[in-house]
Amino acid sequence: MARVRRLMLVAGLTTALGIGAVLIAVGYRLFHSGEAAQAEAAAELPAGARIVSTVAAGDRLAVTIELPTGGAEIRTFEARSLKPVGRLKFHNGR
């Protein structure tokens, strides 16, 4: 009987330790997930260009630019760091 009690005590303590670790991990994520990283960046536009629209989709930010040559361009950035990810240019068929 003493051996069974000792095994039950070990199993109970192990279970309590595991549940405590999960609760600590969940609490840490809840209280530290709200911190937003601030990013600051500057992108140069061609002379005479203007921004037509901006769209945030998931972890990307897309900026549509109207070029003075008559074309358009879409520049894509990472939402958190504002690092450029891609550029897509549209030209008139002239």
PDB file of N, CA and C in Angstrom:
ATOM      1  N   MET A   1       0.817  -1.187   0.000  1.00  0.00           N
ATOM      2  CA  MET A   1       0.000   0.000   0.000  1.00  0.00           C
ATOM      3  C   MET A   1       0.865   1.257   0.000  1.00  0.00           C
ATOM      4  N   ALA A   2       1.946   1.238   0.784  1.00  0.00           N
ATOM      5  CA  ALA A   2       2.825   2.404   0.867  1.00  0.00           C
ATOM      6  C   ALA A   2       3.455   2.693  -0.493  1.00  0.00           C
ATOM      7  N   ARG A   3       3.780   1.630  -1.217  1.00  0.00           N
ATOM      8  CA  ARG A   3       4.391   1.799  -2.539  1.00  0.00           C
ATOM      9  C   ARG A   3       3.399   2.429  -3.517  1.00  0.00           C
ATOM     10  N   VAL A   4       2.152   2.027  -3.478  1.00  0.00           N
ATOM     11  CA  VAL A   4       1.111   2.583  -4.348  1.00  0.00           C
ATOM     12  C   VAL A   4       0.893   4.054  -4.013  1.00  0.00           C
ATOM     13  N   ARG A   5       0.862   4.393  -2.723  1.00  0.00           N
ATOM     14  CA  ARG A   5       0.700   5.791  -2.317  1.00  0.00           C
ATOM     15  C   ARG A   5       1.856   6.653  -2.832  1.00  0.00           C
ATOM     16  N   ARG A   6       3.069   6.130  -2.728  1.00  0.00           N
ATOM     17  CA  ARG A   6       4.237   6.868  -3.198  1.00  0.00           C
ATOM     18  C   ARG A   6       4.165   7.081  -4.712  1.00  0.00           C
ATOM     19  N   LEU A   7       3.761   6.069  -5.454  1.00  0.00           N
ATOM     20  CA  LEU A   7       3.624   6.196  -6.908  1.00  0.00           C
ATOM     21  C   LEU A   7       2.522   7.194  -7.272  1.00  0.00           C
ATOM     22  N   MET A   8       1.418   7.168  -6.536  1.00  0.00           N
ATOM     23  CA  MET A   8       0.335   8.128  -6.779  1.00  0.00           C
ATOM     24  C   MET A   8       0.793   9.553  -6.469  1.00  0.00           C
ATOM     25  N   LEU A   9       1.583   9.730  -5.416  1.00  0.00           N
ATOM     26  CA  LEU A   9       2.114  11.042  -5.066  1.00  0.00           C
ATOM     27  C   LEU A   9       3.037  11.559  -6.170  1.00  0.00           C
ATOM     28  N   VAL A  10       3.903  10.701  -6.690  1.00  0.00           N
ATOM     29  CA  VAL A  10       4.810  11.091  -7.778  1.00  0.00           C
ATOM     30  C   VAL A  10       4.002  11.451  -9.028  1.00  0.00           C
ATOM     31  N   ALA A  11       2.998  10.650  -9.352  1.00  0.00           N
ATOM     32  CA  ALA A  11       2.172  10.926 -10.529  1.00  0.00           C
ATOM     33  C   ALA A  11       1.395  12.230 -10.354  1.00  0.00           C
ATOM     34  N   GLY A  12       0.872  12.470  -9.179  1.00  0.00           N
ATOM     35  CA  GLY A  12       0.130  13.698  -8.910  1.00  0.00           C
ATOM     36  C   GLY A  12       1.019  14.935  -8.992  1.00  0.00           C
ATOM     37  N   LEU A  13       2.218  14.849  -8.421  1.00  0.00           N
ATOM     38  CA  LEU A  13       3.145  15.979  -8.487  1.00  0.00           C
ATOM     39  C   LEU A  13       3.601  16.255  -9.921  1.00  0.00           C
ATOM     40  N   THR A  14       3.834  15.201 -10.675  1.00  0.00           N
ATOM     41  CA  THR A  14       4.226  15.372 -12.079  1.00  0.00           C
ATOM     42  C   THR A  14       3.110  16.026 -12.878  1.00  0.00           C
ATOM     43  N   THR A  15       1.886  15.606 -12.651  1.00  0.00           N
ATOM     44  CA  THR A  15       0.736  16.205 -13.335  1.00  0.00           C
ATOM     45  C   THR A  15       0.575  17.670 -12.952  1.00  0.00           C
ATOM     46  N   ALA A  16       0.690  17.982 -11.674  1.00  0.00           N
ATOM     47  CA  ALA A  16       0.577  19.364 -11.218  1.00  0.00           C
ATOM     48  C   ALA A  16       1.684  20.233 -11.812  1.00  0.00           C
ATOM     49  N   LEU A  17       2.884  19.715 -11.899  1.00  0.00           N
ATOM     50  CA  LEU A  17       3.995  20.445 -12.495  1.00  0.00           C
ATOM     51  C   LEU A  17       3.741  20.719 -13.979  1.00  0.00           C
ATOM     52  N   GLY A  18       3.227  19.738 -14.696  1.00  0.00           N
ATOM     53  CA  GLY A  18       2.903  19.908 -16.116  1.00  0.00           C
ATOM     54  C   GLY A  18       1.807  20.936 -16.341  1.00  0.00           C
ATOM     55  N   ILE A  19       0.743  20.878 -15.535  1.00  0.00           N
ATOM     56  CA  ILE A  19      -0.356  21.847 -15.661  1.00  0.00           C
ATOM     57  C   ILE A  19       0.143  23.251 -15.329  1.00  0.00           C
ATOM     58  N   GLY A  20       0.989  23.368 -14.304  1.00  0.00           N
ATOM     59  CA  GLY A  20       1.561  24.671 -13.950  1.00  0.00           C
ATOM     60  C   GLY A  20       2.405  25.241 -15.086  1.00  0.00           C
ATOM     61  N   ALA A  21       3.195  24.397 -15.753  1.00  0.00           N
ATOM     62  CA  ALA A  21       4.021  24.866 -16.868  1.00  0.00           C
ATOM     63  C   ALA A  21       3.155  25.352 -18.025  1.00  0.00           C
ATOM     64  N   VAL A  22       2.076  24.660 -18.316  1.00  0.00           N
ATOM     65  CA  VAL A  22       1.171  25.082 -19.393  1.00  0.00           C
ATOM     66  C   VAL A  22       0.513  26.414 -19.049  1.00  0.00           C
ATOM     67  N   LEU A  23       0.046  26.569 -17.817  1.00  0.00           N
ATOM     68  CA  LEU A  23      -0.582  27.819 -17.405  1.00  0.00           C
ATOM     69  C   LEU A  23       0.399  28.988 -17.462  1.00  0.00           C
ATOM     70  N   ILE A  24       1.633  28.769 -17.076  1.00  0.00           N
ATOM     71  CA  ILE A  24       2.650  29.824 -17.154  1.00  0.00           C
ATOM     72  C   ILE A  24       2.904  30.200 -18.610  1.00  0.00           C
ATOM     73  N   ALA A  25       2.994  29.218 -19.501  1.00  0.00           N
ATOM     74  CA  ALA A  25       3.226  29.504 -20.926  1.00  0.00           C
ATOM     75  C   ALA A  25       2.061  30.284 -21.528  1.00  0.00           C
ATOM     76  N   VAL A  26       0.837  29.911 -21.197  1.00  0.00           N
ATOM     77  CA  VAL A  26      -0.333  30.616 -21.721  1.00  0.00           C
ATOM     78  C   VAL A  26      -0.374  32.044 -21.179  1.00  0.00           C
ATOM     79  N   GLY A  27      -0.116  32.221 -19.912  1.00  0.00           N
ATOM     80  CA  GLY A  27      -0.094  33.556 -19.325  1.00  0.00           C
ATOM     81  C   GLY A  27       0.975  34.436 -19.947  1.00  0.00           C
ATOM     82  N   TYR A  28       2.143  33.876 -20.189  1.00  0.00           N
ATOM     83  CA  TYR A  28       3.223  34.635 -20.821  1.00  0.00           C
ATOM     84  C   TYR A  28       2.811  35.097 -22.210  1.00  0.00           C
ATOM     85  N   ARG A  29       2.211  34.215 -22.991  1.00  0.00           N
ATOM     86  CA  ARG A  29       1.775  34.580 -24.347  1.00  0.00           C
ATOM     87  C   ARG A  29       0.675  35.639 -24.323  1.00  0.00           C
ATOM     88  N   LEU A  30      -0.230  35.548 -23.372  1.00  0.00           N
ATOM     89  CA  LEU A  30      -1.313  36.531 -23.288  1.00  0.00           C
ATOM     90  C   LEU A  30      -0.793  37.923 -22.960  1.00  0.00           C
ATOM     91  N   PHE A  31       0.145  38.014 -22.040  1.00  0.00           N
ATOM     92  CA  PHE A  31       0.599  39.321 -21.594  1.00  0.00           C
ATOM     93  C   PHE A  31       1.732  39.899 -22.430  1.00  0.00           C
ATOM     94  N   HIS A  32       2.391  39.096 -23.250  1.00  0.00           N
ATOM     95  CA  HIS A  32       3.489  39.609 -24.061  1.00  0.00           C
ATOM     96  C   HIS A  32       3.171  39.635 -25.550  1.00  0.00           C
ATOM     97  N   SER A  33       1.995  39.205 -25.962  1.00  0.00           N
ATOM     98  CA  SER A  33       1.661  39.198 -27.383  1.00  0.00           C
ATOM     99  C   SER A  33       1.154  40.549 -27.863  1.00  0.00           C
ATOM    100  N   GLY A  34       0.738  41.430 -26.971  1.00  0.00           N
ATOM    101  CA  GLY A  34       0.180  42.715 -27.348  1.00  0.00           C
ATOM    102  C   GLY A  34       1.221  43.763 -27.696  1.00  0.00           C
ATOM    103  N   GLU A  35       2.489  43.476 -27.479  1.00  0.00           N
ATOM    104  CA  GLU A  35       3.528  44.443 -27.776  1.00  0.00           C
ATOM    105  C   GLU A  35       3.774  44.490 -29.273  1.00  0.00           C
ATOM    106  N   ALA A  36       3.494  45.625 -29.877  1.00  0.00           N
ATOM    107  CA  ALA A  36       3.700  45.778 -31.311  1.00  0.00           C
ATOM    108  C   ALA A  36       5.042  46.442 -31.564  1.00  0.00           C
ATOM    109  N   ALA A  37       5.769  45.891 -32.497  1.00  0.00           N
ATOM    110  CA  ALA A  37       7.046  46.483 -32.865  1.00  0.00           C
ATOM    111  C   ALA A  37       6.797  47.696 -33.746  1.00  0.00           C
ATOM    112  N   GLN A  38       7.505  48.756 -33.469  1.00  0.00           N
ATOM    113  CA  GLN A  38       7.349  49.965 -34.264  1.00  0.00           C
ATOM    114  C   GLN A  38       8.408  49.965 -35.351  1.00  0.00           C
ATOM    115  N   ALA A  39       7.963  50.223 -36.557  1.00  0.00           N
ATOM    116  CA  ALA A  39       8.887  50.286 -37.679  1.00  0.00           C
ATOM    117  C   ALA A  39       8.727  51.635 -38.359  1.00  0.00           C
ATOM    118  N   GLU A  40       9.841  52.162 -38.802  1.00  0.00           N
ATOM    119  CA  GLU A  40       9.818  53.444 -39.491  1.00  0.00           C
ATOM    120  C   GLU A  40      10.678  53.300 -40.738  1.00  0.00           C
ATOM    121  N   ALA A  41      10.126  53.709 -41.866  1.00  0.00           N
ATOM    122  CA  ALA A  41      10.859  53.590 -43.118  1.00  0.00           C
ATOM    123  C   ALA A  41      10.451  54.718 -44.045  1.00  0.00           C
ATOM    124  N   ALA A  42      11.309  55.002 -44.996  1.00  0.00           N
ATOM    125  CA  ALA A  42      11.014  56.018 -46.005  1.00  0.00           C
ATOM    126  C   ALA A  42      11.291  55.415 -47.367  1.00  0.00           C
ATOM    127  N   ALA A  43      10.367  55.574 -48.275  1.00  0.00           N
ATOM    128  CA  ALA A  43      10.535  55.083 -49.645  1.00  0.00           C
ATOM    129  C   ALA A  43      10.409  56.274 -50.583  1.00  0.00           C
ATOM    130  N   GLU A  44      11.321  56.366 -51.518  1.00  0.00           N
ATOM    131  CA  GLU A  44      11.299  57.481 -52.466  1.00  0.00           C
ATOM    132  C   GLU A  44      10.428  57.128 -53.658  1.00  0.00           C
ATOM    133  N   LEU A  45       9.594  58.075 -54.035  1.00  0.00           N
ATOM    134  CA  LEU A  45       8.757  57.919 -55.222  1.00  0.00           C
ATOM    135  C   LEU A  45       9.415  58.656 -56.385  1.00  0.00           C
ATOM    136  N   PRO A  46       9.182  58.203 -57.607  1.00  0.00           N
ATOM    137  CA  PRO A  46       9.677  58.951 -58.754  1.00  0.00           C
ATOM    138  C   PRO A  46       9.030  60.340 -58.787  1.00  0.00           C
ATOM    139  N   ALA A  47       9.712  61.309 -59.382  1.00  0.00           N
ATOM    140  CA  ALA A  47       9.193  62.675 -59.452  1.00  0.00           C
ATOM    141  C   ALA A  47       7.867  62.679 -60.197  1.00  0.00           C
ATOM    142  N   GLY A  48       6.864  63.316 -59.616  1.00  0.00           N
ATOM    143  CA  GLY A  48       5.550  63.408 -60.233  1.00  0.00           C
ATOM    144  C   GLY A  48       4.637  62.225 -59.958  1.00  0.00           C
ATOM    145  N   ALA A  49       5.112  61.214 -59.271  1.00  0.00           N
ATOM    146  CA  ALA A  49       4.285  60.044 -58.962  1.00  0.00           C
ATOM    147  C   ALA A  49       3.387  60.355 -57.780  1.00  0.00           C
ATOM    148  N   ARG A  50       2.262  59.624 -57.698  1.00  0.00           N
ATOM    149  CA  ARG A  50       1.370  59.803 -56.554  1.00  0.00           C
ATOM    150  C   ARG A  50       0.846  58.447 -56.106  1.00  0.00           C
ATOM    151  N   ILE A  51       0.568  58.343 -54.821  1.00  0.00           N
ATOM    152  CA  ILE A  51       0.046  57.106 -54.248  1.00  0.00           C
ATOM    153  C   ILE A  51      -1.457  57.066 -54.500  1.00  0.00           C
ATOM    154  N   VAL A  52      -1.916  55.975 -55.111  1.00  0.00           N
ATOM    155  CA  VAL A  52      -3.330  55.817 -55.440  1.00  0.00           C
ATOM    156  C   VAL A  52      -4.058  55.097 -54.313  1.00  0.00           C
ATOM    157  N   SER A  53      -3.453  54.024 -53.780  1.00  0.00           N
ATOM    158  CA  SER A  53      -4.108  53.277 -52.710  1.00  0.00           C
ATOM    159  C   SER A  53      -3.082  52.489 -51.915  1.00  0.00           C
ATOM    160  N   THR A  54      -3.481  52.113 -50.702  1.00  0.00           N
ATOM    161  CA  THR A  54      -2.691  51.219 -49.858  1.00  0.00           C
ATOM    162  C   THR A  54      -3.624  50.138 -49.332  1.00  0.00           C
ATOM    163  N   VAL A  55      -3.094  48.926 -49.235  1.00  0.00           N
ATOM    164  CA  VAL A  55      -3.893  47.794 -48.761  1.00  0.00           C
ATOM    165  C   VAL A  55      -3.034  46.951 -47.834  1.00  0.00           C
ATOM    166  N   ALA A  56      -3.567  46.574 -46.684  1.00  0.00           N
ATOM    167  CA  ALA A  56      -2.900  45.649 -45.773  1.00  0.00           C
ATOM    168  C   ALA A  56      -3.582  44.296 -45.898  1.00  0.00           C
ATOM    169  N   ALA A  57      -2.803  43.276 -46.208  1.00  0.00           N
ATOM    170  CA  ALA A  57      -3.337  41.917 -46.356  1.00  0.00           C
ATOM    171  C   ALA A  57      -2.410  40.953 -45.636  1.00  0.00           C
ATOM    172  N   GLY A  58      -2.864  40.422 -44.524  1.00  0.00           N
ATOM    173  CA  GLY A  58      -2.045  39.487 -43.766  1.00  0.00           C
ATOM    174  C   GLY A  58      -0.823  40.190 -43.207  1.00  0.00           C
ATOM    175  N   ASP A  59       0.354  39.695 -43.550  1.00  0.00           N
ATOM    176  CA  ASP A  59       1.590  40.309 -43.077  1.00  0.00           C
ATOM    177  C   ASP A  59       2.261  41.142 -44.163  1.00  0.00           C
ATOM    178  N   ARG A  60       1.491  41.582 -45.150  1.00  0.00           N
ATOM    179  CA  ARG A  60       2.013  42.384 -46.254  1.00  0.00           C
ATOM    180  C   ARG A  60       1.255  43.709 -46.356  1.00  0.00           C
ATOM    181  N   LEU A  61       1.937  44.710 -46.895  1.00  0.00           N
ATOM    182  CA  LEU A  61       1.357  46.013 -47.155  1.00  0.00           C
ATOM    183  C   LEU A  61       1.629  46.323 -48.624  1.00  0.00           C
ATOM    184  N   ALA A  62       0.581  46.590 -49.399  1.00  0.00           N
ATOM    185  CA  ALA A  62       0.725  46.879 -50.824  1.00  0.00           C
ATOM    186  C   ALA A  62       0.373  48.343 -51.075  1.00  0.00           C
ATOM    187  N   VAL A  63       1.237  49.029 -51.804  1.00  0.00           N
ATOM    188  CA  VAL A  63       1.042  50.439 -52.132  1.00  0.00           C
ATOM    189  C   VAL A  63       0.986  50.553 -53.649  1.00  0.00           C
ATOM    190  N   THR A  64      -0.122  51.113 -54.170  1.00  0.00           N
ATOM    191  CA  THR A  64      -0.278  51.316 -55.610  1.00  0.00           C
ATOM    192  C   THR A  64       0.113  52.746 -55.934  1.00  0.00           C
ATOM    193  N   ILE A  65       1.024  52.890 -56.903  1.00  0.00           N
ATOM    194  CA  ILE A  65       1.563  54.197 -57.272  1.00  0.00           C
ATOM    195  C   ILE A  65       1.247  54.473 -58.732  1.00  0.00           C
ATOM    196  N   GLU A  66       0.763  55.678 -59.005  1.00  0.00           N
ATOM    197  CA  GLU A  66       0.527  56.113 -60.377  1.00  0.00           C
ATOM    198  C   GLU A  66       1.766  56.880 -60.830  1.00  0.00           C
ATOM    199  N   LEU A  67       2.399  56.402 -61.896  1.00  0.00           N
ATOM    200  CA  LEU A  67       3.636  57.003 -62.389  1.00  0.00           C
ATOM    201  C   LEU A  67       3.341  58.144 -63.346  1.00  0.00           C
ATOM    202  N   PRO A  68       4.219  59.133 -63.436  1.00  0.00           N
ATOM    203  CA  PRO A  68       3.992  60.257 -64.346  1.00  0.00           C
ATOM    204  C   PRO A  68       4.084  59.856 -65.820  1.00  0.00           C
ATOM    205  N   THR A  69       4.658  58.711 -66.116  1.00  0.00           N
ATOM    206  CA  THR A  69       4.778  58.228 -67.499  1.00  0.00           C
ATOM    207  C   THR A  69       3.493  57.591 -67.991  1.00  0.00           C
ATOM    208  N   GLY A  70       2.497  57.490 -67.134  1.00  0.00           N
ATOM    209  CA  GLY A  70       1.219  56.907 -67.521  1.00  0.00           C
ATOM    210  C   GLY A  70       1.031  55.487 -67.050  1.00  0.00           C
ATOM    211  N   GLY A  71       2.040  54.874 -66.481  1.00  0.00           N
ATOM    212  CA  GLY A  71       1.921  53.515 -65.977  1.00  0.00           C
ATOM    213  C   GLY A  71       1.572  53.502 -64.502  1.00  0.00           C
ATOM    214  N   ALA A  72       1.598  52.320 -63.945  1.00  0.00           N
ATOM    215  CA  ALA A  72       1.323  52.160 -62.518  1.00  0.00           C
ATOM    216  C   ALA A  72       2.309  51.145 -61.952  1.00  0.00           C
ATOM    217  N   GLU A  73       2.434  51.156 -60.629  1.00  0.00           N
ATOM    218  CA  GLU A  73       3.372  50.260 -59.962  1.00  0.00           C
ATOM    219  C   GLU A  73       2.778  49.862 -58.623  1.00  0.00           C
ATOM    220  N   ILE A  74       2.957  48.603 -58.268  1.00  0.00           N
ATOM    221  CA  ILE A  74       2.542  48.121 -56.951  1.00  0.00           C
ATOM    222  C   ILE A  74       3.797  47.705 -56.207  1.00  0.00           C
ATOM    223  N   ARG A  75       4.030  48.332 -55.069  1.00  0.00           N
ATOM    224  CA  ARG A  75       5.168  47.982 -54.217  1.00  0.00           C
ATOM    225  C   ARG A  75       4.641  47.262 -52.988  1.00  0.00           C
ATOM    226  N   THR A  76       5.278  46.151 -52.634  1.00  0.00           N
ATOM    227  CA  THR A  76       4.845  45.327 -51.511  1.00  0.00           C
ATOM    228  C   THR A  76       5.903  45.373 -50.410  1.00  0.00           C
ATOM    229  N   PHE A  77       5.438  45.516 -49.152  1.00  0.00           N
ATOM    230  CA  PHE A  77       6.323  45.599 -48.000  1.00  0.00           C
ATOM    231  C   PHE A  77       5.860  44.627 -46.926  1.00  0.00           C
ATOM    232  N   GLU A  78       6.804  44.194 -46.052  1.00  0.00           N
ATOM    233  CA  GLU A  78       6.433  43.431 -44.863  1.00  0.00           C
ATOM    234  C   GLU A  78       5.759  44.391 -43.894  1.00  0.00           C
ATOM    235  N   ALA A  79       4.673  43.975 -43.292  1.00  0.00           N
ATOM    236  CA  ALA A  79       3.907  44.868 -42.424  1.00  0.00           C
ATOM    237  C   ALA A  79       4.663  45.212 -41.142  1.00  0.00           C
ATOM    238  N   ARG A  80       5.413  44.291 -40.575  1.00  0.00           N
ATOM    239  CA  ARG A  80       6.087  44.548 -39.300  1.00  0.00           C
ATOM    240  C   ARG A  80       7.344  45.391 -39.445  1.00  0.00           C
ATOM    241  N   SER A  81       8.179  45.058 -40.411  1.00  0.00           N
ATOM    242  CA  SER A  81       9.465  45.749 -40.529  1.00  0.00           C
ATOM    243  C   SER A  81       9.485  46.799 -41.633  1.00  0.00           C
ATOM    244  N   LEU A  82       8.472  46.815 -42.492  1.00  0.00           N
ATOM    245  CA  LEU A  82       8.376  47.715 -43.639  1.00  0.00           C
ATOM    246  C   LEU A  82       9.516  47.526 -44.638  1.00  0.00           C
ATOM    247  N   LYS A  83      10.102  46.337 -44.672  1.00  0.00           N
ATOM    248  CA  LYS A  83      11.134  46.033 -45.662  1.00  0.00           C
ATOM    249  C   LYS A  83      10.461  45.756 -47.003  1.00  0.00           C
ATOM    250  N   PRO A  84      11.029  46.265 -48.097  1.00  0.00           N
ATOM    251  CA  PRO A  84      10.446  45.990 -49.421  1.00  0.00           C
ATOM    252  C   PRO A  84      10.514  44.503 -49.747  1.00  0.00           C
ATOM    253  N   VAL A  85       9.410  43.965 -50.257  1.00  0.00           N
ATOM    254  CA  VAL A  85       9.345  42.547 -50.605  1.00  0.00           C
ATOM    255  C   VAL A  85       9.274  42.375 -52.119  1.00  0.00           C
ATOM    256  N   GLY A  86       8.514  43.231 -52.790  1.00  0.00           N
ATOM    257  CA  GLY A  86       8.380  43.072 -54.239  1.00  0.00           C
ATOM    258  C   GLY A  86       7.913  44.340 -54.915  1.00  0.00           C
ATOM    259  N   ARG A  87       8.048  44.332 -56.234  1.00  0.00           N
ATOM    260  CA  ARG A  87       7.636  45.483 -57.053  1.00  0.00           C
ATOM    261  C   ARG A  87       7.083  44.948 -58.368  1.00  0.00           C
ATOM    262  N   LEU A  88       5.899  45.435 -58.721  1.00  0.00           N
ATOM    263  CA  LEU A  88       5.245  45.015 -59.955  1.00  0.00           C
ATOM    264  C   LEU A  88       4.896  46.267 -60.749  1.00  0.00           C
ATOM    265  N   LYS A  89       5.443  46.362 -61.971  1.00  0.00           N
ATOM    266  CA  LYS A  89       5.222  47.549 -62.799  1.00  0.00           C
ATOM    267  C   LYS A  89       4.249  47.238 -63.922  1.00  0.00           C
ATOM    268  N   PHE A  90       3.370  48.201 -64.191  1.00  0.00           N
ATOM    269  CA  PHE A  90       2.425  48.105 -65.307  1.00  0.00           C
ATOM    270  C   PHE A  90       2.722  49.259 -66.266  1.00  0.00           C
ATOM    271  N   HIS A  91       2.888  48.936 -67.556  1.00  0.00           N
ATOM    272  CA  HIS A  91       3.165  49.968 -68.569  1.00  0.00           C
ATOM    273  C   HIS A  91       2.050  49.959 -69.587  1.00  0.00           C
ATOM    274  N   ASN A  92       1.825  51.124 -70.166  1.00  0.00           N
ATOM    275  CA  ASN A  92       0.874  51.214 -71.291  1.00  0.00           C
ATOM    276  C   ASN A  92       1.473  50.533 -72.496  1.00  0.00           C
ATOM    277  N   GLY A  93       0.628  50.010 -73.363  1.00  0.00           N
ATOM    278  CA  GLY A  93       1.083  49.263 -74.541  1.00  0.00           C
ATOM    279  C   GLY A  93       1.537  50.133 -75.685  1.00  0.00           C
ATOM    280  N   ARG A  94       1.931  51.345 -75.452  1.00  0.00           N
ATOM    281  CA  ARG A  94       2.376  52.246 -76.520  1.00  0.00           C
ATOM    282  C   ARG A  94       3.782  52.020 -76.901  1.00  0.00           C
TER     283      ARG A  94
END
